[in-house]
Amino acid sequence: MKNKNVKSLRTEFLGFFIISIVAAIIFGSLSFYIVEKNYYKAKIDSYNIEKEKASQFIEQIHKKLSNLNNLNQITEEMLKPIEQELFYHINIVNENGEVIYESGHEAVLQRDFVLYRTFSIMGHSYIIFLEGQYRENTYEENVLVMMIIALSVLLFIFIFFRLANKRINYIHEISESVDRISNGDLNTPIALSGNDELTSLAQNINYMSLSIKERNAYEDRIEKSKKELITNMSHDLRTPLTSIIGYLNLIREERYEDNHQLKEYVEICFSKAQQLKQLINRLFEYSKLTSEAINIEQIQLDINRFIAQLKGEYSHLVEDNQLTFSIDLCSGKPLIYADPLFMVRVFENLIHNAVKYAKKPGELIIKSWNEKENVIITFSNTVDHNLFSIGDMDNIFDRMFIKDKSRQEGKSSGLGLAICREIVELNGGKIWATLEENYIVFWISFKRISN
C-alpha cells in the first residue's frame, strides 16, 4: 500500500518545472525591462542627433536660399543636396501658401518632426518646411529580443536540471544497485534520500535485497540442517536396523537353543521394528511441518478445558511412570486461536518428554495464567541436573538435540521438541525452556482473545 506521506515524483518534477519557468520569466522580464530602458535612452539620443543633423541641414539650405536674387535659382540650388537626403522631405511655399518647390520625394508617411525657416527674395517672404523621419533599427531590437529569449530558455534548462539532477542521479544509483543485486551483491543497500516515490522504490529494493539475503541464508541453513538430519537419522535408523538384521540372521541360521529363545529373538526384532517405525513416523511428521504447504485451521480454543481433557487422557501414563500429575489453571476461559489437532500433538510431545526425561519419582505440573494480552502455559517436570545444563536450554528445540545416553537406549528420536516449536510458531505462538532448581520448565505463550 502506498504511503500517503510520500510525495509524488510527478508533482516534484512539476514543481521543478514551475520554479524553473517562473525564474526564466522573471529573468526575461527584468532583462527586457533593463535592455528596453537602456535601448530607449540610446534611441532618444540617436533621435536627438538626427534632429540636430536635420537642423544643421535646414540651416545650410536657409543660408543658400537667403543669398539668392532670383526665385528660379531655388530649384538649381536645392536639387543636389535634396537628392542626397532620402529621409527628408522639403517644401518651399510663398506668402500665399503656394508650393513653389518640392524636394521631389514622396512625402513621408510617418512625420516624426517638422522644421521650418523663413527667407526673403526680392522683398517677398518664403518658408522652408523640412519633414523628417527617424531611422528605426528594428534589426537590433529583434536581435536583442531573441538574445533575451535564448538566455531565458538556457536559464530555464539550467535551473530545471540543477533541481532535478539530484533525483536523476538517484535514479542512476538505484539502477546500479539493481544491477549489483542481479549479479548477487546483496550487502550494499541503497542510501535513502528524500521522501518521494524514488525513495519508496529504493526502500522496497532494499527490502527485496534483504529478503533475498535472508531467504538464501534460510536455504543454506535448511541445506545444512538436512545434511545434519540425514547424518543423525542415519545413525538412529541404523541402530535398530542393525539389531533386526542381527537377530534375523541368527534365526535364519537357526542359531538358537529352543523355541523359547526363538520367540525371544522374534520379540526383539518386533520391538526394534516398532522403534524403527516410530523414528520414520517422527521424521515424516517433522518434514511435513517444515514444508511450506502445511495448512492449519485455527479456531477459538479454551486452553483450560483443553488441558483438563489431556490430563484425563494421560494421567494413567504419567502415574505409571512414577510421576505425580497436577494442574494449576487460571480462572475464567483463556481463549486463544490455534489448531486443536496440532496443539494436541504439542502437549502430547511435552508429556512424553516428561515421561522420558523426568527424574523418578518426581512430578509433572501444568499451569496456565493470563499475563497482560497473552496466555501463558507451562509444563514443569523434575529433572536430573547431571543430564541437563542451563546452556542446553538454548539448543533444546533444535533437531536431533538429544543426549548420548538417550540415543544409546533408543528412548528418543530428537525430533519431539523440534516438532513442538514448529507447531507453536505455525499457530502464532512462542515456546522456550528454562532450568529452575530441580525443574525443567517449558513455556508457551499465545495472544489472548478478549472475551
Protein backbone atom coordinates (compact mmCIF):
# COMPACT_ATOMS: atom_id res chain seq x y z
CA MET A 1 0.00 0.00 0.00
CA LYS A 2 1.35 3.44 -0.93
CA ASN A 3 2.29 5.69 1.97
CA LYS A 4 0.16 8.82 1.87
CA ASN A 5 3.07 10.86 3.25
CA VAL A 6 5.24 10.01 0.23
CA LYS A 7 5.42 12.84 -2.30
CA SER A 8 4.61 12.12 -5.92
CA LEU A 9 7.63 12.17 -8.23
CA ARG A 10 5.45 13.76 -10.94
CA THR A 11 4.47 16.51 -8.51
CA GLU A 12 8.10 17.03 -7.55
CA PHE A 13 9.23 17.38 -11.17
CA LEU A 14 6.22 19.61 -11.91
CA GLY A 15 7.40 21.80 -9.04
CA PHE A 16 10.89 21.90 -10.57
CA PHE A 17 9.33 22.87 -13.92
CA ILE A 18 7.23 25.65 -12.38
CA ILE A 19 10.17 27.05 -10.39
CA SER A 20 12.37 26.99 -13.48
CA ILE A 21 9.84 28.61 -15.79
CA VAL A 22 8.96 31.31 -13.21
CA ALA A 23 12.66 32.08 -12.75
CA ALA A 24 13.12 32.22 -16.54
CA ILE A 25 10.11 34.53 -16.96
CA ILE A 26 11.33 36.84 -14.18
CA PHE A 27 14.82 36.90 -15.67
CA GLY A 28 13.44 37.58 -19.15
CA SER A 29 11.11 40.33 -17.91
CA LEU A 30 13.84 42.07 -15.90
CA SER A 31 16.32 41.73 -18.74
CA PHE A 32 13.82 43.07 -21.25
CA TYR A 33 12.97 45.95 -18.92
CA ILE A 34 16.62 46.87 -18.38
CA VAL A 35 17.55 46.45 -22.05
CA GLU A 36 14.49 48.33 -23.24
CA LYS A 37 15.19 51.15 -20.81
CA ASN A 38 18.78 51.48 -21.92
CA TYR A 39 17.90 50.96 -25.56
CA TYR A 40 15.14 53.59 -25.33
CA LYS A 41 17.61 56.05 -23.87
CA ALA A 42 20.08 55.28 -26.65
CA LYS A 43 17.31 55.64 -29.21
CA ILE A 44 16.28 59.04 -27.80
CA ASP A 45 19.88 60.16 -28.00
CA SER A 46 20.00 58.92 -31.57
CA TYR A 47 16.79 60.81 -32.37
CA ASN A 48 18.21 63.98 -30.91
CA ILE A 49 21.32 63.57 -33.01
CA GLU A 50 19.23 63.03 -36.12
CA LYS A 51 17.11 66.05 -35.30
CA GLU A 52 20.24 68.09 -34.74
CA LYS A 53 21.57 66.99 -38.15
CA ALA A 54 18.26 67.96 -39.71
CA SER A 55 18.51 71.39 -38.05
CA GLN A 56 22.02 71.81 -39.42
CA PHE A 57 20.82 70.71 -42.83
CA ILE A 58 17.91 73.17 -42.95
CA GLU A 59 20.27 75.91 -41.76
CA GLN A 60 22.54 75.20 -44.71
CA ILE A 61 19.58 75.40 -47.06
CA HIS A 62 18.41 78.60 -45.40
CA LYS A 63 21.80 80.25 -45.91
CA LYS A 64 21.91 79.27 -49.55
CA LEU A 65 18.42 80.46 -50.32
CA SER A 66 18.83 83.69 -48.40
CA ASN A 67 21.65 84.71 -50.78
CA LEU A 68 19.61 84.11 -53.97
CA ASN A 69 18.47 87.00 -56.13
CA ASN A 70 16.12 85.09 -58.35
CA LEU A 71 13.30 82.74 -57.48
CA ASN A 72 14.21 80.49 -60.41
CA GLN A 73 17.53 79.67 -58.81
CA ILE A 74 15.84 77.79 -55.93
CA THR A 75 15.49 74.54 -57.86
CA GLU A 76 19.06 74.61 -59.05
CA GLU A 77 20.41 75.23 -55.56
CA MET A 78 18.15 72.68 -53.88
CA LEU A 79 18.35 69.77 -56.28
CA LYS A 80 21.71 68.23 -55.41
CA PRO A 81 21.61 68.33 -51.63
CA ILE A 82 17.99 67.25 -51.53
CA GLU A 83 18.72 64.20 -53.71
CA GLN A 84 21.32 63.08 -51.20
CA GLU A 85 18.97 63.11 -48.19
CA LEU A 86 16.39 60.37 -48.52
CA PHE A 87 14.90 60.86 -45.06
CA TYR A 88 13.91 64.49 -45.55
CA HIS A 89 11.01 65.94 -47.50
CA ILE A 90 11.33 69.69 -48.18
CA ASN A 91 8.67 72.12 -49.31
CA ILE A 92 9.10 75.81 -50.03
CA VAL A 93 5.98 77.92 -50.02
CA ASN A 94 5.34 81.58 -50.68
CA GLU A 95 3.33 84.05 -48.68
CA ASN A 96 0.10 82.77 -50.20
CA GLY A 97 0.81 79.17 -49.21
CA GLU A 98 1.55 78.08 -52.73
CA VAL A 99 4.24 75.40 -53.06
CA ILE A 100 6.97 76.77 -55.27
CA TYR A 101 9.39 73.92 -54.63
CA GLU A 102 9.12 70.33 -53.51
CA SER A 103 12.03 68.03 -52.96
CA GLY A 104 10.65 65.57 -55.50
CA HIS A 105 10.47 62.73 -52.96
CA GLU A 106 7.27 61.31 -51.70
CA ALA A 107 6.01 62.85 -48.53
CA VAL A 108 6.91 60.74 -45.53
CA LEU A 109 4.01 58.66 -44.28
CA GLN A 110 5.12 59.00 -40.68
CA ARG A 111 6.22 62.53 -39.84
CA ASP A 112 8.45 62.38 -36.76
CA PHE A 113 9.49 66.01 -36.75
CA VAL A 114 8.94 69.23 -38.83
CA LEU A 115 11.40 72.11 -39.04
CA TYR A 116 10.92 75.40 -40.84
CA ARG A 117 12.84 78.54 -41.69
CA THR A 118 11.86 81.81 -43.41
CA PHE A 119 13.84 83.74 -46.00
CA SER A 120 13.21 86.64 -48.46
CA ILE A 121 13.97 87.08 -52.12
CA MET A 122 13.35 90.37 -53.82
CA GLY A 123 11.19 91.59 -50.97
CA HIS A 124 8.97 88.50 -50.87
CA SER A 125 8.92 86.10 -47.91
CA TYR A 126 9.16 82.34 -48.29
CA ILE A 127 9.05 79.43 -45.80
CA ILE A 128 11.14 76.26 -45.90
CA PHE A 129 9.45 73.19 -44.35
CA LEU A 130 11.58 70.11 -43.60
CA GLU A 131 9.71 66.94 -42.67
CA GLY A 132 11.85 64.18 -41.17
CA GLN A 133 11.52 60.55 -40.08
CA TYR A 134 13.77 58.86 -37.53
CA ARG A 135 15.80 55.94 -38.72
CA GLU A 136 14.46 52.79 -36.94
CA ASN A 137 16.94 49.99 -36.19
CA THR A 138 14.36 47.20 -35.92
CA TYR A 139 17.06 44.63 -36.67
CA GLU A 140 18.90 45.50 -33.49
CA GLU A 141 15.70 45.34 -31.46
CA ASN A 142 14.86 41.89 -32.84
CA VAL A 143 18.36 40.61 -32.11
CA LEU A 144 18.15 41.85 -28.52
CA VAL A 145 14.73 40.23 -28.03
CA MET A 146 15.97 36.93 -29.44
CA MET A 147 19.02 37.04 -27.20
CA ILE A 148 16.84 37.63 -24.12
CA ILE A 149 14.55 34.75 -25.11
CA ALA A 150 17.54 32.46 -25.73
CA LEU A 151 19.10 33.36 -22.36
CA SER A 152 15.76 32.79 -20.60
CA VAL A 153 15.44 29.34 -22.19
CA LEU A 154 19.01 28.47 -21.20
CA LEU A 155 18.32 29.66 -17.66
CA PHE A 156 15.16 27.52 -17.55
CA ILE A 157 17.11 24.43 -18.70
CA PHE A 158 19.93 25.12 -16.23
CA ILE A 159 17.64 25.60 -13.21
CA PHE A 160 15.41 22.63 -14.07
CA PHE A 161 18.30 20.21 -14.48
CA ARG A 162 20.04 21.69 -11.45
CA LEU A 163 16.97 20.95 -9.34
CA ALA A 164 16.25 17.57 -10.96
CA ASN A 165 19.88 16.47 -11.15
CA LYS A 166 19.84 15.05 -7.61
CA ARG A 167 16.82 12.86 -8.35
CA ILE A 168 18.24 11.87 -11.77
CA ASN A 169 21.50 10.80 -10.10
CA TYR A 170 19.39 8.90 -7.56
CA ILE A 171 17.69 7.05 -10.41
CA HIS A 172 21.16 6.10 -11.74
CA GLU A 173 22.16 4.93 -8.25
CA ILE A 174 19.03 2.78 -7.99
CA SER A 175 19.70 1.34 -11.44
CA GLU A 176 23.28 0.47 -10.49
CA SER A 177 22.08 -1.13 -7.25
CA VAL A 178 19.59 -3.27 -9.13
CA ASP A 179 22.43 -4.38 -11.42
CA ARG A 180 24.52 -5.30 -8.36
CA ILE A 181 21.63 -7.25 -6.85
CA SER A 182 21.09 -9.09 -10.14
CA ASN A 183 24.79 -10.04 -10.01
CA GLY A 184 24.44 -11.40 -6.48
CA ASP A 185 25.68 -8.46 -4.40
CA LEU A 186 23.14 -8.27 -1.55
CA ASN A 187 25.34 -6.49 1.01
CA THR A 188 25.20 -2.95 -0.39
CA PRO A 189 21.84 -1.29 0.37
CA ILE A 190 20.70 1.87 -1.39
CA ALA A 191 21.07 5.01 0.72
CA LEU A 192 17.60 6.50 1.26
CA SER A 193 17.30 10.12 0.13
CA GLY A 194 14.22 12.34 0.03
CA ASN A 195 10.62 11.35 0.58
CA ASP A 196 9.13 10.61 -2.80
CA GLU A 197 8.34 7.59 -4.96
CA LEU A 198 12.04 7.06 -5.74
CA THR A 199 12.75 6.80 -2.01
CA SER A 200 9.89 4.34 -1.64
CA LEU A 201 11.26 2.36 -4.61
CA ALA A 202 14.76 2.31 -3.09
CA GLN A 203 13.31 1.18 0.24
CA ASN A 204 11.38 -1.62 -1.45
CA ILE A 205 14.53 -2.69 -3.32
CA ASN A 206 16.41 -2.75 0.00
CA TYR A 207 13.62 -4.87 1.49
CA MET A 208 13.75 -7.15 -1.53
CA SER A 209 17.55 -7.44 -1.24
CA LEU A 210 17.28 -8.18 2.49
CA SER A 211 14.50 -10.70 1.84
CA ILE A 212 16.59 -12.45 -0.81
CA LYS A 213 19.59 -12.43 1.54
CA GLU A 214 17.52 -13.88 4.39
CA ARG A 215 15.97 -16.39 2.04
CA ASN A 216 19.40 -17.50 0.83
CA ALA A 217 20.63 -17.75 4.43
CA TYR A 218 17.49 -19.69 5.35
CA GLU A 219 18.01 -22.07 2.43
CA ASP A 220 21.66 -22.50 3.45
CA ARG A 221 20.56 -23.32 7.00
CA ILE A 222 17.94 -25.72 5.68
CA GLU A 223 20.51 -27.40 3.47
CA LYS A 224 22.93 -27.67 6.37
CA SER A 225 20.15 -28.96 8.62
CA LYS A 226 19.16 -31.53 6.03
CA LYS A 227 22.71 -32.84 5.95
CA GLU A 228 22.83 -32.96 9.75
CA LEU A 229 19.40 -34.57 9.87
CA ILE A 230 20.42 -37.23 7.35
CA THR A 231 23.64 -37.92 9.28
CA ASN A 232 21.93 -38.17 12.67
CA MET A 233 18.90 -40.08 11.43
CA SER A 234 21.18 -42.48 9.60
CA HIS A 235 22.77 -43.30 12.94
CA ASP A 236 19.44 -43.63 14.73
CA LEU A 237 17.86 -45.73 11.98
CA ARG A 238 20.93 -47.91 11.62
CA THR A 239 20.93 -48.89 15.33
CA PRO A 240 17.56 -50.74 15.41
CA LEU A 241 18.03 -51.92 11.83
CA THR A 242 21.38 -53.49 12.74
CA SER A 243 19.76 -55.26 15.68
CA ILE A 244 16.91 -56.54 13.48
CA ILE A 245 19.33 -57.83 10.83
CA GLY A 246 21.50 -59.46 13.51
CA TYR A 247 18.68 -61.33 15.19
CA LEU A 248 17.08 -62.29 11.88
CA ASN A 249 20.45 -63.69 10.79
CA LEU A 250 20.55 -65.79 13.99
CA ILE A 251 17.05 -67.06 13.26
CA ARG A 252 17.89 -67.79 9.59
CA GLU A 253 20.96 -69.79 10.62
CA GLU A 254 18.93 -71.49 13.39
CA ARG A 255 21.39 -70.40 15.99
CA TYR A 256 19.02 -70.65 18.91
CA GLU A 257 18.70 -73.35 21.58
CA ASP A 258 14.92 -73.79 21.73
CA ASN A 259 11.60 -72.24 20.77
CA HIS A 260 11.65 -70.02 23.83
CA GLN A 261 14.88 -68.37 22.65
CA LEU A 262 13.47 -68.15 19.11
CA LYS A 263 10.41 -66.36 20.45
CA GLU A 264 12.71 -64.01 22.38
CA TYR A 265 14.62 -63.17 19.18
CA VAL A 266 11.34 -62.53 17.33
CA GLU A 267 10.12 -60.24 20.12
CA ILE A 268 13.35 -58.27 19.98
CA CYS A 269 13.04 -57.94 16.21
CA PHE A 270 9.43 -56.77 16.58
CA SER A 271 10.38 -54.25 19.27
CA LYS A 272 13.21 -52.86 17.14
CA ALA A 273 10.90 -52.74 14.10
CA GLN A 274 8.38 -50.71 16.15
CA GLN A 275 11.16 -48.39 17.23
CA LEU A 276 12.23 -48.02 13.59
CA LYS A 277 8.65 -47.25 12.57
CA GLN A 278 8.37 -44.61 15.29
CA LEU A 279 11.57 -42.93 14.10
CA ILE A 280 10.34 -42.91 10.48
CA ASN A 281 6.94 -41.52 11.53
CA ARG A 282 8.60 -38.74 13.53
CA LEU A 283 10.83 -37.89 10.60
CA PHE A 284 7.85 -37.78 8.23
CA GLU A 285 5.88 -35.64 10.67
CA TYR A 286 8.72 -33.13 11.04
CA SER A 287 9.31 -32.98 7.28
CA LYS A 288 5.62 -32.28 6.76
CA LEU A 289 5.60 -29.50 9.37
CA THR A 290 8.65 -27.76 7.92
CA SER A 291 7.26 -27.80 4.38
CA GLU A 292 5.63 -24.60 3.12
CA ALA A 293 2.50 -26.42 2.02
CA ILE A 294 1.24 -27.14 5.57
CA ASN A 295 -2.23 -25.76 6.31
CA ILE A 296 -3.60 -25.07 9.77
CA GLU A 297 -7.21 -24.46 10.78
CA GLN A 298 -7.27 -22.14 13.77
CA ILE A 299 -10.35 -21.85 15.97
CA GLN A 300 -11.10 -20.32 19.37
CA LEU A 301 -9.66 -22.72 21.91
CA ASP A 302 -10.38 -22.70 25.67
CA ILE A 303 -6.93 -23.63 26.90
CA ASN A 304 -8.08 -24.60 30.42
CA ARG A 305 -10.67 -27.04 29.10
CA PHE A 306 -8.12 -28.37 26.62
CA ILE A 307 -5.55 -29.09 29.36
CA ALA A 308 -8.15 -30.68 31.62
CA GLN A 309 -9.12 -33.12 28.84
CA LEU A 310 -5.49 -34.07 28.24
CA LYS A 311 -4.94 -34.68 31.95
CA GLY A 312 -7.77 -37.17 31.94
CA GLU A 313 -6.29 -38.98 28.94
CA TYR A 314 -2.66 -39.10 30.06
CA SER A 315 -2.84 -39.28 33.85
CA HIS A 316 -2.57 -43.08 33.74
CA LEU A 317 0.61 -42.95 31.57
CA VAL A 318 2.21 -40.30 33.77
CA GLU A 319 1.42 -42.00 37.07
CA ASP A 320 2.60 -45.40 35.76
CA ASN A 321 6.00 -43.79 35.21
CA GLN A 322 6.27 -42.75 38.87
CA LEU A 323 5.25 -39.13 38.30
CA THR A 324 2.69 -37.08 40.18
CA PHE A 325 0.42 -35.31 37.67
CA SER A 326 -1.09 -31.95 38.79
CA ILE A 327 -2.55 -28.92 37.04
CA ASP A 328 -2.99 -25.33 38.21
CA LEU A 329 -5.27 -23.39 35.87
CA CYS A 330 -6.28 -19.73 35.94
CA SER A 331 -9.89 -18.68 36.48
CA GLY A 332 -12.23 -17.96 33.59
CA LYS A 333 -11.85 -19.06 29.98
CA PRO A 334 -8.50 -18.04 28.49
CA LEU A 335 -9.18 -18.18 24.75
CA ILE A 336 -6.54 -18.44 22.02
CA TYR A 337 -6.55 -19.03 18.27
CA ALA A 338 -4.95 -22.37 17.46
CA ASP A 339 -5.44 -25.60 15.55
CA PRO A 340 -6.68 -28.12 18.18
CA LEU A 341 -5.25 -31.19 16.39
CA PHE A 342 -1.80 -29.65 16.21
CA MET A 343 -1.99 -28.40 19.81
CA VAL A 344 -2.82 -31.93 20.99
CA ARG A 345 0.41 -33.02 19.32
CA VAL A 346 2.36 -30.31 21.16
CA PHE A 347 1.00 -31.24 24.58
CA GLU A 348 1.43 -34.96 23.87
CA ASN A 349 5.09 -34.44 22.96
CA LEU A 350 5.71 -32.40 26.12
CA ILE A 351 4.04 -35.04 28.29
CA HIS A 352 6.00 -37.85 26.63
CA ASN A 353 9.16 -35.77 27.00
CA ALA A 354 8.50 -35.52 30.75
CA VAL A 355 7.91 -39.27 30.98
CA LYS A 356 11.26 -39.92 29.25
CA TYR A 357 13.47 -37.38 31.00
CA ALA A 358 11.86 -36.62 34.37
CA LYS A 359 13.71 -37.73 37.46
CA LYS A 360 11.71 -40.51 39.08
CA PRO A 361 9.98 -40.43 41.36
CA GLY A 362 9.01 -36.85 40.50
CA GLU A 363 6.17 -34.69 39.32
CA LEU A 364 4.72 -33.09 36.20
CA ILE A 365 2.95 -29.76 36.73
CA ILE A 366 0.89 -27.92 34.08
CA LYS A 367 -0.09 -24.30 34.76
CA SER A 368 -1.95 -21.55 32.89
CA TRP A 369 -2.40 -17.84 33.60
CA ASN A 370 -3.10 -14.53 31.90
CA GLU A 371 -0.23 -12.10 31.51
CA LYS A 372 -1.28 -8.75 30.01
CA GLU A 373 -2.53 -9.63 26.50
CA ASN A 374 -1.11 -13.17 26.48
CA VAL A 375 -1.99 -16.60 27.81
CA ILE A 376 0.97 -18.46 29.33
CA ILE A 377 1.10 -22.27 29.68
CA THR A 378 3.98 -24.05 31.43
CA PHE A 379 4.98 -27.73 31.63
CA SER A 380 7.34 -28.35 34.56
CA ASN A 381 8.91 -31.66 35.50
CA THR A 382 11.68 -32.73 37.84
CA VAL A 383 14.99 -33.34 36.13
CA ASP A 384 18.40 -34.79 36.91
CA HIS A 385 20.95 -31.94 36.89
CA ASN A 386 23.58 -34.33 35.61
CA LEU A 387 21.51 -34.80 32.44
CA PHE A 388 20.91 -31.12 31.56
CA SER A 389 22.64 -27.78 31.98
CA ILE A 390 21.48 -24.19 31.55
CA GLY A 391 23.39 -23.97 28.24
CA ASP A 392 21.28 -26.82 26.84
CA MET A 393 18.15 -24.65 27.06
CA ASP A 394 19.28 -22.59 24.05
CA ASN A 395 19.51 -25.68 21.84
CA ILE A 396 16.90 -27.99 23.29
CA PHE A 397 14.40 -27.31 20.46
CA ASP A 398 16.94 -27.95 17.72
CA ARG A 399 16.59 -31.01 15.54
CA MET A 400 18.33 -34.13 16.83
CA PHE A 401 19.36 -32.42 20.10
CA ILE A 402 19.34 -35.49 22.33
CA LYS A 403 21.71 -36.81 24.88
CA ASP A 404 24.01 -39.70 24.01
CA LYS A 405 22.50 -41.82 26.79
CA SER A 406 19.01 -41.37 25.35
CA ARG A 407 20.23 -42.23 21.86
CA GLN A 408 22.01 -45.34 23.06
CA GLU A 409 18.97 -46.52 24.95
CA GLY A 410 16.70 -45.77 21.98
CA LYS A 411 14.47 -43.56 24.14
CA SER A 412 14.31 -40.51 21.82
CA SER A 413 14.41 -39.53 18.17
CA GLY A 414 15.45 -35.95 18.92
CA LEU A 415 12.50 -34.54 16.92
CA GLY A 416 9.75 -34.23 19.53
CA LEU A 417 10.62 -30.77 20.85
CA ALA A 418 11.55 -29.53 17.36
CA ILE A 419 8.06 -30.54 16.24
CA CYS A 420 6.58 -28.67 19.24
CA ARG A 421 8.38 -25.48 18.24
CA GLU A 422 7.28 -25.72 14.61
CA ILE A 423 3.62 -26.25 15.59
CA VAL A 424 3.56 -23.42 18.17
CA GLU A 425 5.16 -20.95 15.74
CA LEU A 426 2.81 -22.01 12.93
CA ASN A 427 -0.08 -21.09 15.23
CA GLY A 428 1.42 -17.69 16.04
CA GLY A 429 2.80 -18.53 19.49
CA LYS A 430 6.22 -18.76 21.16
CA ILE A 431 7.88 -21.58 23.08
CA TRP A 432 11.07 -21.64 25.15
CA ALA A 433 12.62 -23.59 28.03
CA THR A 434 14.31 -22.70 31.34
CA LEU A 435 16.08 -24.68 34.02
CA GLU A 436 14.88 -23.71 37.51
CA GLU A 437 16.35 -25.51 40.51
CA ASN A 438 15.23 -29.15 40.18
CA TYR A 439 12.79 -28.50 37.32
CA ILE A 440 12.93 -28.01 33.58
CA VAL A 441 10.12 -25.64 32.53
CA PHE A 442 8.67 -25.38 29.03
CA TRP A 443 6.91 -22.04 28.43
CA ILE A 444 4.25 -21.50 25.76
CA SER A 445 2.80 -18.04 25.02
CA PHE A 446 -0.22 -17.21 22.84
CA LYS A 447 -2.08 -13.99 22.13
CA ARG A 448 -5.19 -13.94 24.31
CA ILE A 449 -8.61 -13.37 22.73
CA SER A 450 -10.70 -10.88 24.67
CA ASN A 451 -13.90 -12.48 25.99
